[in-house]
């Protein structure tokens, strides 16, 4: 059951990370998003960090609320 909470927390965190990138990348052209590798190094880590935080939050929620 804890894996399910971790999985859904990871997915929610991944989605939240993508929504955080939306305003940051709004001014970039489609070609720049596809070809500029420095954008991936500059902004790509944000999504994964937020996803891992979401996973940790899901596991903490399982531990705090269901195991009490």
PDB file of N, CA and C in Angstrom:
ATOM      1  N   UNK A   1       0.812  -1.192   0.000  1.00  0.00           N
ATOM      2  CA  UNK A   1       0.000   0.000   0.000  1.00  0.00           C
ATOM      3  C   UNK A   1       0.866   1.271   0.000  1.00  0.00           C
ATOM      4  N   UNK A   2       2.000   1.194   0.688  1.00  0.00           N
ATOM      5  CA  UNK A   2       2.869   2.362   0.719  1.00  0.00           C
ATOM      6  C   UNK A   2       3.417   2.661  -0.678  1.00  0.00           C
ATOM      7  N   UNK A   3       3.592   1.628  -1.498  1.00  0.00           N
ATOM      8  CA  UNK A   3       4.069   1.841  -2.864  1.00  0.00           C
ATOM      9  C   UNK A   3       3.047   2.617  -3.682  1.00  0.00           C
ATOM     10  N   UNK A   4       1.795   2.357  -3.431  1.00  0.00           N
ATOM     11  CA  UNK A   4       0.731   3.063  -4.145  1.00  0.00           C
ATOM     12  C   UNK A   4       0.731   4.545  -3.795  1.00  0.00           C
ATOM     13  N   UNK A   5       0.891   4.857  -2.513  1.00  0.00           N
ATOM     14  CA  UNK A   5       0.962   6.248  -2.093  1.00  0.00           C
ATOM     15  C   UNK A   5       2.215   6.921  -2.659  1.00  0.00           C
ATOM     16  N   UNK A   6       3.323   6.210  -2.665  1.00  0.00           N
ATOM     17  CA  UNK A   6       4.550   6.754  -3.237  1.00  0.00           C
ATOM     18  C   UNK A   6       4.415   6.999  -4.727  1.00  0.00           C
ATOM     19  N   UNK A   7       3.777   6.063  -5.418  1.00  0.00           N
ATOM     20  CA  UNK A   7       3.589   6.204  -6.866  1.00  0.00           C
ATOM     21  C   UNK A   7       2.705   7.400  -7.195  1.00  0.00           C
ATOM     22  N   UNK A   8       1.578   7.519  -6.497  1.00  0.00           N
ATOM     23  CA  UNK A   8       0.689   8.647  -6.772  1.00  0.00           C
ATOM     24  C   UNK A   8       1.316   9.970  -6.347  1.00  0.00           C
ATOM     25  N   UNK A   9       2.093   9.963  -5.282  1.00  0.00           N
ATOM     26  CA  UNK A   9       2.815  11.167  -4.889  1.00  0.00           C
ATOM     27  C   UNK A   9       3.847  11.562  -5.931  1.00  0.00           C
ATOM     28  N   UNK A  10       4.536  10.560  -6.496  1.00  0.00           N
ATOM     29  CA  UNK A  10       5.517  10.832  -7.542  1.00  0.00           C
ATOM     30  C   UNK A  10       4.840  11.418  -8.778  1.00  0.00           C
ATOM     31  N   UNK A  11       3.722  10.825  -9.184  1.00  0.00           N
ATOM     32  CA  UNK A  11       3.003  11.326 -10.363  1.00  0.00           C
ATOM     33  C   UNK A  11       2.484  12.742 -10.134  1.00  0.00           C
ATOM     34  N   UNK A  12       1.936  13.000  -8.947  1.00  0.00           N
ATOM     35  CA  UNK A  12       1.444  14.347  -8.650  1.00  0.00           C
ATOM     36  C   UNK A  12       2.596  15.346  -8.600  1.00  0.00           C
ATOM     37  N   UNK A  13       3.732  14.932  -8.043  1.00  0.00           N
ATOM     38  CA  UNK A  13       4.891  15.809  -8.007  1.00  0.00           C
ATOM     39  C   UNK A  13       5.455  16.073  -9.398  1.00  0.00           C
ATOM     40  N   UNK A  14       5.448  15.056 -10.236  1.00  0.00           N
ATOM     41  CA  UNK A  14       5.924  15.232 -11.609  1.00  0.00           C
ATOM     42  C   UNK A  14       5.046  16.235 -12.350  1.00  0.00           C
ATOM     43  N   UNK A  15       3.741  16.098 -12.169  1.00  0.00           N
ATOM     44  CA  UNK A  15       2.807  17.027 -12.802  1.00  0.00           C
ATOM     45  C   UNK A  15       3.011  18.446 -12.262  1.00  0.00           C
ATOM     46  N   UNK A  16       3.199  18.569 -10.955  1.00  0.00           N
ATOM     47  CA  UNK A  16       3.427  19.886 -10.358  1.00  0.00           C
ATOM     48  C   UNK A  16       4.730  20.493 -10.882  1.00  0.00           C
ATOM     49  N   UNK A  17       5.757  19.667 -11.065  1.00  0.00           N
ATOM     50  CA  UNK A  17       7.013  20.162 -11.618  1.00  0.00           C
ATOM     51  C   UNK A  17       6.861  20.651 -13.049  1.00  0.00           C
ATOM     52  N   UNK A  18       6.073  19.937 -13.839  1.00  0.00           N
ATOM     53  CA  UNK A  18       5.817  20.383 -15.206  1.00  0.00           C
ATOM     54  C   UNK A  18       5.047  21.698 -15.227  1.00  0.00           C
ATOM     55  N   UNK A  19       4.119  21.853 -14.290  1.00  0.00           N
ATOM     56  CA  UNK A  19       3.366  23.103 -14.216  1.00  0.00           C
ATOM     57  C   UNK A  19       4.261  24.259 -13.745  1.00  0.00           C
ATOM     58  N   UNK A  20       5.287  23.953 -12.970  1.00  0.00           N
ATOM     59  CA  UNK A  20       6.241  24.992 -12.560  1.00  0.00           C
ATOM     60  C   UNK A  20       7.093  25.443 -13.748  1.00  0.00           C
ATOM     61  N   UNK A  21       7.371  24.526 -14.673  1.00  0.00           N
ATOM     62  CA  UNK A  21       8.182  24.873 -15.843  1.00  0.00           C
ATOM     63  C   UNK A  21       7.422  25.690 -16.873  1.00  0.00           C
ATOM     64  N   UNK A  22       6.118  25.557 -16.864  1.00  0.00           N
ATOM     65  CA  UNK A  22       5.314  26.218 -17.891  1.00  0.00           C
ATOM     66  C   UNK A  22       5.581  27.721 -17.979  1.00  0.00           C
ATOM     67  N   UNK A  23       5.536  28.480 -16.878  1.00  0.00           N
ATOM     68  CA  UNK A  23       5.831  29.920 -17.020  1.00  0.00           C
ATOM     69  C   UNK A  23       7.301  30.213 -17.305  1.00  0.00           C
ATOM     70  N   UNK A  24       8.191  29.327 -16.879  1.00  0.00           N
ATOM     71  CA  UNK A  24       9.620  29.563 -17.118  1.00  0.00           C
ATOM     72  C   UNK A  24       9.988  29.418 -18.591  1.00  0.00           C
ATOM     73  N   UNK A  25       9.315  28.522 -19.285  1.00  0.00           N
ATOM     74  CA  UNK A  25       9.640  28.246 -20.688  1.00  0.00           C
ATOM     75  C   UNK A  25       8.665  28.884 -21.666  1.00  0.00           C
ATOM     76  N   UNK A  26       7.813  29.749 -21.179  1.00  0.00           N
ATOM     77  CA  UNK A  26       6.784  30.343 -22.033  1.00  0.00           C
ATOM     78  C   UNK A  26       7.367  31.149 -23.187  1.00  0.00           C
ATOM     79  N   UNK A  27       8.446  31.851 -22.990  1.00  0.00           N
ATOM     80  CA  UNK A  27       8.998  32.713 -24.032  1.00  0.00           C
ATOM     81  C   UNK A  27       9.909  32.004 -25.018  1.00  0.00           C
ATOM     82  N   UNK A  28      10.156  30.724 -24.838  1.00  0.00           N
ATOM     83  CA  UNK A  28      11.060  29.983 -25.727  1.00  0.00           C
ATOM     84  C   UNK A  28      10.311  29.490 -26.963  1.00  0.00           C
ATOM     85  N   UNK A  29      10.998  29.493 -28.074  1.00  0.00           N
ATOM     86  CA  UNK A  29      10.375  28.997 -29.305  1.00  0.00           C
ATOM     87  C   UNK A  29      10.359  27.472 -29.309  1.00  0.00           C
ATOM     88  N   UNK A  30       9.542  26.926 -30.161  1.00  0.00           N
ATOM     89  CA  UNK A  30       9.426  25.479 -30.278  1.00  0.00           C
ATOM     90  C   UNK A  30      10.747  24.863 -30.726  1.00  0.00           C
ATOM     91  N   UNK A  31      11.429  25.509 -31.631  1.00  0.00           N
ATOM     92  CA  UNK A  31      12.717  25.018 -32.121  1.00  0.00           C
ATOM     93  C   UNK A  31      13.765  25.044 -31.012  1.00  0.00           C
ATOM     94  N   UNK A  32      13.764  26.097 -30.215  1.00  0.00           N
ATOM     95  CA  UNK A  32      14.730  26.183 -29.119  1.00  0.00           C
ATOM     96  C   UNK A  32      14.470  25.092 -28.078  1.00  0.00           C
ATOM     97  N   UNK A  33      13.210  24.796 -27.816  1.00  0.00           N
ATOM     98  CA  UNK A  33      12.889  23.749 -26.854  1.00  0.00           C
ATOM     99  C   UNK A  33      13.347  22.370 -27.335  1.00  0.00           C
ATOM    100  N   UNK A  34      13.330  22.165 -28.646  1.00  0.00           N
ATOM    101  CA  UNK A  34      13.714  20.867 -29.191  1.00  0.00           C
ATOM    102  C   UNK A  34      15.221  20.709 -29.367  1.00  0.00           C
ATOM    103  N   UNK A  35      15.935  21.802 -29.598  1.00  0.00           N
ATOM    104  CA  UNK A  35      17.348  21.673 -29.966  1.00  0.00           C
ATOM    105  C   UNK A  35      18.331  22.162 -28.908  1.00  0.00           C
ATOM    106  N   UNK A  36      17.944  23.073 -28.049  1.00  0.00           N
ATOM    107  CA  UNK A  36      18.873  23.670 -27.087  1.00  0.00           C
ATOM    108  C   UNK A  36      19.058  22.741 -25.882  1.00  0.00           C
ATOM    109  N   UNK A  37      20.218  22.100 -25.792  1.00  0.00           N
ATOM    110  CA  UNK A  37      20.488  21.156 -24.713  1.00  0.00           C
ATOM    111  C   UNK A  37      20.723  21.855 -23.385  1.00  0.00           C
ATOM    112  N   UNK A  38      21.113  23.115 -23.416  1.00  0.00           N
ATOM    113  CA  UNK A  38      21.352  23.825 -22.161  1.00  0.00           C
ATOM    114  C   UNK A  38      20.051  24.056 -21.394  1.00  0.00           C
ATOM    115  N   UNK A  39      18.930  24.102 -22.098  1.00  0.00           N
ATOM    116  CA  UNK A  39      17.644  24.224 -21.414  1.00  0.00           C
ATOM    117  C   UNK A  39      17.354  22.991 -20.566  1.00  0.00           C
ATOM    118  N   UNK A  40      17.703  21.829 -21.085  1.00  0.00           N
ATOM    119  CA  UNK A  40      17.485  20.593 -20.325  1.00  0.00           C
ATOM    120  C   UNK A  40      18.345  20.571 -19.071  1.00  0.00           C
ATOM    121  N   UNK A  41      19.577  21.041 -19.186  1.00  0.00           N
ATOM    122  CA  UNK A  41      20.454  21.073 -18.018  1.00  0.00           C
ATOM    123  C   UNK A  41      20.046  22.158 -17.026  1.00  0.00           C
ATOM    124  N   UNK A  42      19.480  23.231 -17.538  1.00  0.00           N
ATOM    125  CA  UNK A  42      19.126  24.352 -16.690  1.00  0.00           C
ATOM    126  C   UNK A  42      17.794  24.124 -15.966  1.00  0.00           C
ATOM    127  N   UNK A  43      16.807  23.564 -16.644  1.00  0.00           N
ATOM    128  CA  UNK A  43      15.471  23.442 -16.089  1.00  0.00           C
ATOM    129  C   UNK A  43      15.012  22.003 -15.852  1.00  0.00           C
ATOM    130  N   UNK A  44      15.681  21.045 -16.420  1.00  0.00           N
ATOM    131  CA  UNK A  44      15.210  19.663 -16.348  1.00  0.00           C
ATOM    132  C   UNK A  44      15.214  19.064 -14.960  1.00  0.00           C
ATOM    133  N   UNK A  45      16.121  19.486 -14.119  1.00  0.00           N
ATOM    134  CA  UNK A  45      16.213  18.921 -12.778  1.00  0.00           C
ATOM    135  C   UNK A  45      15.048  19.332 -11.891  1.00  0.00           C
ATOM    136  N   UNK A  46      14.385  20.442 -12.210  1.00  0.00           N
ATOM    137  CA  UNK A  46      13.281  20.936 -11.382  1.00  0.00           C
ATOM    138  C   UNK A  46      12.162  19.904 -11.313  1.00  0.00           C
ATOM    139  N   UNK A  47      11.815  19.324 -12.442  1.00  0.00           N
ATOM    140  CA  UNK A  47      10.717  18.361 -12.486  1.00  0.00           C
ATOM    141  C   UNK A  47      11.031  17.145 -11.625  1.00  0.00           C
ATOM    142  N   UNK A  48      12.248  16.649 -11.704  1.00  0.00           N
ATOM    143  CA  UNK A  48      12.600  15.434 -10.965  1.00  0.00           C
ATOM    144  C   UNK A  48      12.687  15.674  -9.471  1.00  0.00           C
ATOM    145  N   UNK A  49      13.185  16.839  -9.068  1.00  0.00           N
ATOM    146  CA  UNK A  49      13.255  17.156  -7.641  1.00  0.00           C
ATOM    147  C   UNK A  49      11.852  17.270  -7.055  1.00  0.00           C
ATOM    148  N   UNK A  50      10.951  17.949  -7.752  1.00  0.00           N
ATOM    149  CA  UNK A  50       9.583  18.091  -7.267  1.00  0.00           C
ATOM    150  C   UNK A  50       8.881  16.733  -7.264  1.00  0.00           C
ATOM    151  N   UNK A  51       9.172  15.883  -8.246  1.00  0.00           N
ATOM    152  CA  UNK A  51       8.573  14.550  -8.273  1.00  0.00           C
ATOM    153  C   UNK A  51       9.045  13.711  -7.094  1.00  0.00           C
ATOM    154  N   UNK A  52      10.313  13.777  -6.768  1.00  0.00           N
ATOM    155  CA  UNK A  52      10.819  13.033  -5.614  1.00  0.00           C
ATOM    156  C   UNK A  52      10.268  13.584  -4.303  1.00  0.00           C
ATOM    157  N   UNK A  53      10.098  14.894  -4.226  1.00  0.00           N
ATOM    158  CA  UNK A  53       9.462  15.475  -3.046  1.00  0.00           C
ATOM    159  C   UNK A  53       8.004  15.032  -2.920  1.00  0.00           C
ATOM    160  N   UNK A  54       7.320  14.924  -4.043  1.00  0.00           N
ATOM    161  CA  UNK A  54       5.944  14.424  -4.033  1.00  0.00           C
ATOM    162  C   UNK A  54       5.882  12.976  -3.581  1.00  0.00           C
ATOM    163  N   UNK A  55       6.840  12.170  -4.005  1.00  0.00           N
ATOM    164  CA  UNK A  55       6.911  10.774  -3.565  1.00  0.00           C
ATOM    165  C   UNK A  55       7.156  10.700  -2.062  1.00  0.00           C
ATOM    166  N   UNK A  56       8.078  11.503  -1.582  1.00  0.00           N
ATOM    167  CA  UNK A  56       8.365  11.523  -0.150  1.00  0.00           C
ATOM    168  C   UNK A  56       7.150  12.000   0.641  1.00  0.00           C
ATOM    169  N   UNK A  57       6.439  12.974   0.112  1.00  0.00           N
ATOM    170  CA  UNK A  57       5.242  13.467   0.773  1.00  0.00           C
ATOM    171  C   UNK A  57       4.137  12.404   0.793  1.00  0.00           C
ATOM    172  N   UNK A  58       4.024  11.647  -0.286  1.00  0.00           N
ATOM    173  CA  UNK A  58       3.046  10.549  -0.317  1.00  0.00           C
ATOM    174  C   UNK A  58       3.369   9.480   0.705  1.00  0.00           C
ATOM    175  N   UNK A  59       4.636   9.128   0.826  1.00  0.00           N
ATOM    176  CA  UNK A  59       5.046   8.117   1.803  1.00  0.00           C
ATOM    177  C   UNK A  59       4.858   8.648   3.221  1.00  0.00           C
ATOM    178  N   UNK A  60       5.176   9.914   3.433  1.00  0.00           N
ATOM    179  CA  UNK A  60       4.966  10.519   4.751  1.00  0.00           C
ATOM    180  C   UNK A  60       3.473  10.552   5.098  1.00  0.00           C
ATOM    181  N   UNK A  61       2.647  10.883   4.116  1.00  0.00           N
ATOM    182  CA  UNK A  61       1.202  10.896   4.337  1.00  0.00           C
ATOM    183  C   UNK A  61       0.671   9.527   4.696  1.00  0.00           C
ATOM    184  N   UNK A  62       1.183   8.508   4.046  1.00  0.00           N
ATOM    185  CA  UNK A  62       0.777   7.145   4.380  1.00  0.00           C
ATOM    186  C   UNK A  62       1.180   6.811   5.809  1.00  0.00           C
ATOM    187  N   UNK A  63       2.405   7.152   6.159  1.00  0.00           N
ATOM    188  CA  UNK A  63       2.908   6.844   7.496  1.00  0.00           C
ATOM    189  C   UNK A  63       2.159   7.627   8.576  1.00  0.00           C
ATOM    190  N   UNK A  64       1.904   8.897   8.330  1.00  0.00           N
ATOM    191  CA  UNK A  64       1.296   9.748   9.349  1.00  0.00           C
ATOM    192  C   UNK A  64      -0.210   9.489   9.519  1.00  0.00           C
ATOM    193  N   UNK A  65      -0.912   9.307   8.433  1.00  0.00           N
ATOM    194  CA  UNK A  65      -2.373   9.241   8.521  1.00  0.00           C
ATOM    195  C   UNK A  65      -2.926   7.824   8.605  1.00  0.00           C
ATOM    196  N   UNK A  66      -2.288   6.879   7.955  1.00  0.00           N
ATOM    197  CA  UNK A  66      -2.840   5.520   7.981  1.00  0.00           C
ATOM    198  C   UNK A  66      -2.215   4.653   9.050  1.00  0.00           C
ATOM    199  N   UNK A  67      -0.954   4.874   9.370  1.00  0.00           N
ATOM    200  CA  UNK A  67      -0.326   4.070  10.407  1.00  0.00           C
ATOM    201  C   UNK A  67      -0.419   4.746  11.774  1.00  0.00           C
ATOM    202  N   UNK A  68      -0.630   6.074  11.745  1.00  0.00           N
ATOM    203  CA  UNK A  68      -0.871   6.863  12.939  1.00  0.00           C
ATOM    204  C   UNK A  68       0.158   6.769  13.939  1.00  0.00           C
TER     205      UNK A  68
END
